[in-house]
Protein backbone atom coordinates (compact mmCIF):
# COMPACT_ATOMS: atom_id res chain seq x y z
CA UNK A 1 -6.10 4.04 -17.27
CA UNK A 2 -3.23 2.08 -15.80
CA UNK A 3 -3.02 -0.14 -18.90
CA UNK A 4 -3.25 2.69 -21.44
CA UNK A 5 0.45 2.35 -22.29
CA UNK A 6 0.25 -1.41 -22.94
CA UNK A 7 -0.39 -1.41 -26.69
CA UNK A 8 2.23 1.21 -27.66
CA UNK A 9 4.68 -0.47 -25.31
CA UNK A 10 3.88 -3.87 -26.82
CA UNK A 11 4.44 -2.51 -30.34
CA UNK A 12 7.76 -0.98 -29.30
CA UNK A 13 8.75 -4.21 -27.59
CA UNK A 14 7.83 -6.26 -30.69
CA UNK A 15 9.90 -3.92 -32.83
CA UNK A 16 12.85 -4.24 -30.51
CA UNK A 17 12.51 -8.02 -30.52
CA UNK A 18 12.52 -8.12 -34.34
CA UNK A 19 15.60 -5.93 -34.36
CA UNK A 20 17.17 -8.20 -31.75
CA UNK A 21 16.45 -11.30 -33.85
CA UNK A 22 18.29 -9.86 -36.84
CA UNK A 23 21.33 -9.11 -34.68
CA UNK A 24 21.73 -12.41 -32.88
CA UNK A 25 25.16 -11.51 -31.50
CA UNK A 26 23.57 -8.57 -29.62
CA UNK A 27 21.18 -10.74 -27.60
CA UNK A 28 18.29 -8.65 -26.37
CA UNK A 29 17.59 -9.31 -22.70
CA UNK A 30 14.39 -8.39 -20.99
CA UNK A 31 12.90 -9.16 -17.65
CA UNK A 32 9.51 -8.69 -16.07
CA UNK A 33 8.75 -7.65 -12.51
CA UNK A 34 5.47 -8.11 -10.67
CA UNK A 35 5.29 -4.83 -8.70
CA UNK A 36 2.30 -5.99 -6.62
CA UNK A 37 4.27 -8.99 -5.42
CA UNK A 38 7.30 -6.84 -4.64
CA UNK A 39 5.13 -4.45 -2.62
CA UNK A 40 3.55 -7.38 -0.79
CA UNK A 41 6.61 -9.58 -0.13
CA UNK A 42 9.57 -7.23 0.16
CA UNK A 43 10.92 -6.87 3.69
CA UNK A 44 10.77 -3.08 3.35
CA UNK A 45 7.04 -3.30 2.59
CA UNK A 46 6.44 -5.60 5.57
CA UNK A 47 8.46 -3.27 7.82
CA UNK A 48 6.43 -0.28 6.58
CA UNK A 49 3.19 -2.11 7.39
CA UNK A 50 4.47 -2.93 10.88
CA UNK A 51 5.47 0.71 11.46
CA UNK A 52 2.01 1.87 10.39
CA UNK A 53 0.28 -0.62 12.65
CA UNK A 54 2.40 0.45 15.63
CA UNK A 55 1.96 4.14 14.88
CA UNK A 56 -1.83 3.98 14.61
CA UNK A 57 -2.60 1.25 17.13
CA UNK A 58 -3.38 3.59 20.05
CA UNK A 59 -5.60 5.90 17.99
CA UNK A 60 -7.48 2.93 16.57
CA UNK A 61 -8.03 1.54 20.08
CA UNK A 62 -9.22 4.95 21.29
CA UNK A 63 -11.70 5.11 18.40
CA UNK A 64 -13.02 1.64 19.17
CA UNK A 65 -13.40 2.58 22.84
CA UNK A 66 -15.21 5.79 21.91
CA UNK A 67 -17.49 3.85 19.55
CA UNK A 68 -18.31 1.35 22.31
CA UNK A 69 -19.04 4.16 24.77
CA UNK A 70 -21.29 5.84 22.20
CA UNK A 71 -23.19 2.61 21.62
CA UNK A 72 -23.55 2.05 25.36
CA UNK A 73 -24.88 5.59 25.84
CA UNK A 74 -27.33 5.07 22.98
CA UNK A 75 -28.53 1.79 24.45
CA UNK A 76 -28.90 3.42 27.88
CA UNK A 77 -30.95 6.26 26.38
CA UNK A 78 -33.19 3.73 24.66
CA UNK A 79 -33.71 1.82 27.92
CA UNK A 80 -34.25 4.97 30.01
CA UNK A 81 -36.34 6.81 27.44
CA UNK A 82 -39.78 5.79 28.80
CA UNK A 83 -38.94 7.15 32.27
CA UNK A 84 -37.31 10.43 31.14
CA UNK A 85 -39.10 13.72 30.75
CA UNK A 86 -39.26 15.21 27.27
CA UNK A 87 -36.61 17.79 28.23
CA UNK A 88 -34.23 15.15 29.59
CA UNK A 89 -34.73 12.91 26.55
CA UNK A 90 -34.07 15.81 24.15
CA UNK A 91 -30.97 16.87 26.08
CA UNK A 92 -29.50 13.34 26.06
CA UNK A 93 -30.30 12.93 22.37
CA UNK A 94 -28.41 16.15 21.63
CA UNK A 95 -25.48 14.91 23.69
CA UNK A 96 -25.48 11.66 21.70
CA UNK A 97 -25.63 13.56 18.41
CA UNK A 98 -22.69 15.74 19.51
CA UNK A 99 -20.73 12.68 20.66
CA UNK A 100 -21.48 10.91 17.38
CA UNK A 101 -20.41 13.95 15.36
CA UNK A 102 -17.14 14.11 17.33
CA UNK A 103 -16.61 10.38 16.83
CA UNK A 104 -17.26 10.61 13.07
CA UNK A 105 -14.84 13.56 12.79
CA UNK A 106 -12.12 11.66 14.68
CA UNK A 107 -12.67 8.56 12.57
CA UNK A 108 -12.41 10.60 9.36
CA UNK A 109 -9.22 12.30 10.58
CA UNK A 110 -7.80 8.92 11.57
CA UNK A 111 -8.53 7.47 8.14
CA UNK A 112 -7.05 10.50 6.36
CA UNK A 113 -3.90 10.37 8.51
CA UNK A 114 -3.57 6.62 7.99
CA UNK A 115 -3.98 6.97 4.22
CA UNK A 116 -1.42 9.77 4.08
CA UNK A 117 1.14 7.84 6.13
CA UNK A 118 0.48 4.67 4.11
CA UNK A 119 1.15 6.63 0.92
CA UNK A 120 4.36 8.03 2.37
CA UNK A 121 5.58 4.60 3.48
CA UNK A 122 4.62 2.92 0.20
CA UNK A 123 6.38 5.68 -1.74
CA UNK A 124 9.60 4.90 0.14
CA UNK A 125 9.21 1.19 -0.64
CA UNK A 126 8.40 1.98 -4.27
CA UNK A 127 11.53 4.13 -4.60
CA UNK A 128 13.65 1.38 -3.03
CA UNK A 129 12.09 -1.16 -5.38
CA UNK A 130 12.86 1.03 -8.40
CA UNK A 131 16.49 1.29 -7.28
CA UNK A 132 16.61 -2.50 -6.80
CA UNK A 133 15.12 -3.09 -10.26
CA UNK A 134 17.70 -0.77 -11.79
CA UNK A 135 20.47 -2.48 -9.81
CA UNK A 136 19.40 -5.94 -11.05
CA UNK A 137 19.01 -4.66 -14.62
CA UNK A 138 22.48 -3.12 -14.66
CA UNK A 139 24.18 -6.04 -12.88
CA UNK A 140 22.68 -8.63 -15.21
CA UNK A 141 22.76 -6.45 -18.33
CA UNK A 142 19.05 -6.37 -19.11
CA UNK A 143 17.99 -4.11 -21.96
CA UNK A 144 14.40 -3.65 -20.78
CA UNK A 145 12.50 -4.36 -17.57
CA UNK A 146 8.71 -4.45 -17.86
CA UNK A 147 6.16 -4.24 -15.08
CA UNK A 148 2.54 -5.39 -14.91
CA UNK A 149 2.52 -7.89 -17.74
CA UNK A 150 -0.63 -9.94 -18.37
CA UNK A 151 1.39 -13.12 -18.78
CA UNK A 152 5.05 -13.79 -18.08
CA UNK A 153 7.05 -16.86 -18.90
CA UNK A 154 8.72 -17.72 -15.58
CA UNK A 155 12.17 -17.62 -17.20
CA UNK A 156 11.72 -13.84 -17.73
CA UNK A 157 10.26 -13.10 -14.27
CA UNK A 158 12.91 -11.35 -12.18
CA UNK A 159 10.64 -10.49 -9.25
CA UNK A 160 12.52 -12.83 -6.88
CA UNK A 161 15.82 -11.19 -7.84
CA UNK A 162 14.37 -7.75 -7.14
CA UNK A 163 13.06 -8.87 -3.74
CA UNK A 164 16.49 -10.34 -2.92
CA UNK A 165 18.13 -7.05 -3.96
CA UNK A 166 15.71 -5.19 -1.67
CA UNK A 167 16.60 -7.64 1.10
CA UNK A 168 20.28 -6.92 0.57
CA UNK A 169 19.79 -3.15 0.76
CA UNK A 170 17.54 -3.42 3.83
CA UNK A 171 19.75 -5.86 5.77
CA UNK A 172 22.79 -3.67 6.62
CA UNK A 173 20.87 -0.99 8.53
CA UNK A 174 17.61 -2.82 9.23
CA UNK A 175 15.57 0.21 8.21
CA UNK A 176 13.83 -1.29 5.23
CA UNK A 177 15.76 0.79 2.70
CA UNK A 178 15.07 4.09 4.42
């Protein structure tokens, strides 16, 4: 679905290029940006990842501790099972089931919260990247900037320029373009 626009865009681009060839004095300039690389290498993206890790570190540790405690309780029940009465065994099994249900709920909530915050942080980086792309395009007088090309001649790849522009906007306040 992501590539659905590729063929119409390619046809439009080819048409623009043919028009540009016939008007040599109006040189058509285009650049290509690798958005995955921007989202991976931009300082704002790295800062967002660090913020997420710091924000969710304690909850993740708590979940790991709870998982370890649950496993230890399960192992203890397995070891003690032969010496327990049927009533005691059933009661401890119910407790384990309840603890496991609570753990699964907390893990699901953690994952949902993490995904939501990751989306929020990536949206901020994406918006900053779009502003940086526009800034580079206007400053260097590009007619078209494409993203997600199958192949790009390195002379048309402006990804490094976009990352540098993101660096420049993130540097003054250190907030990663926030």
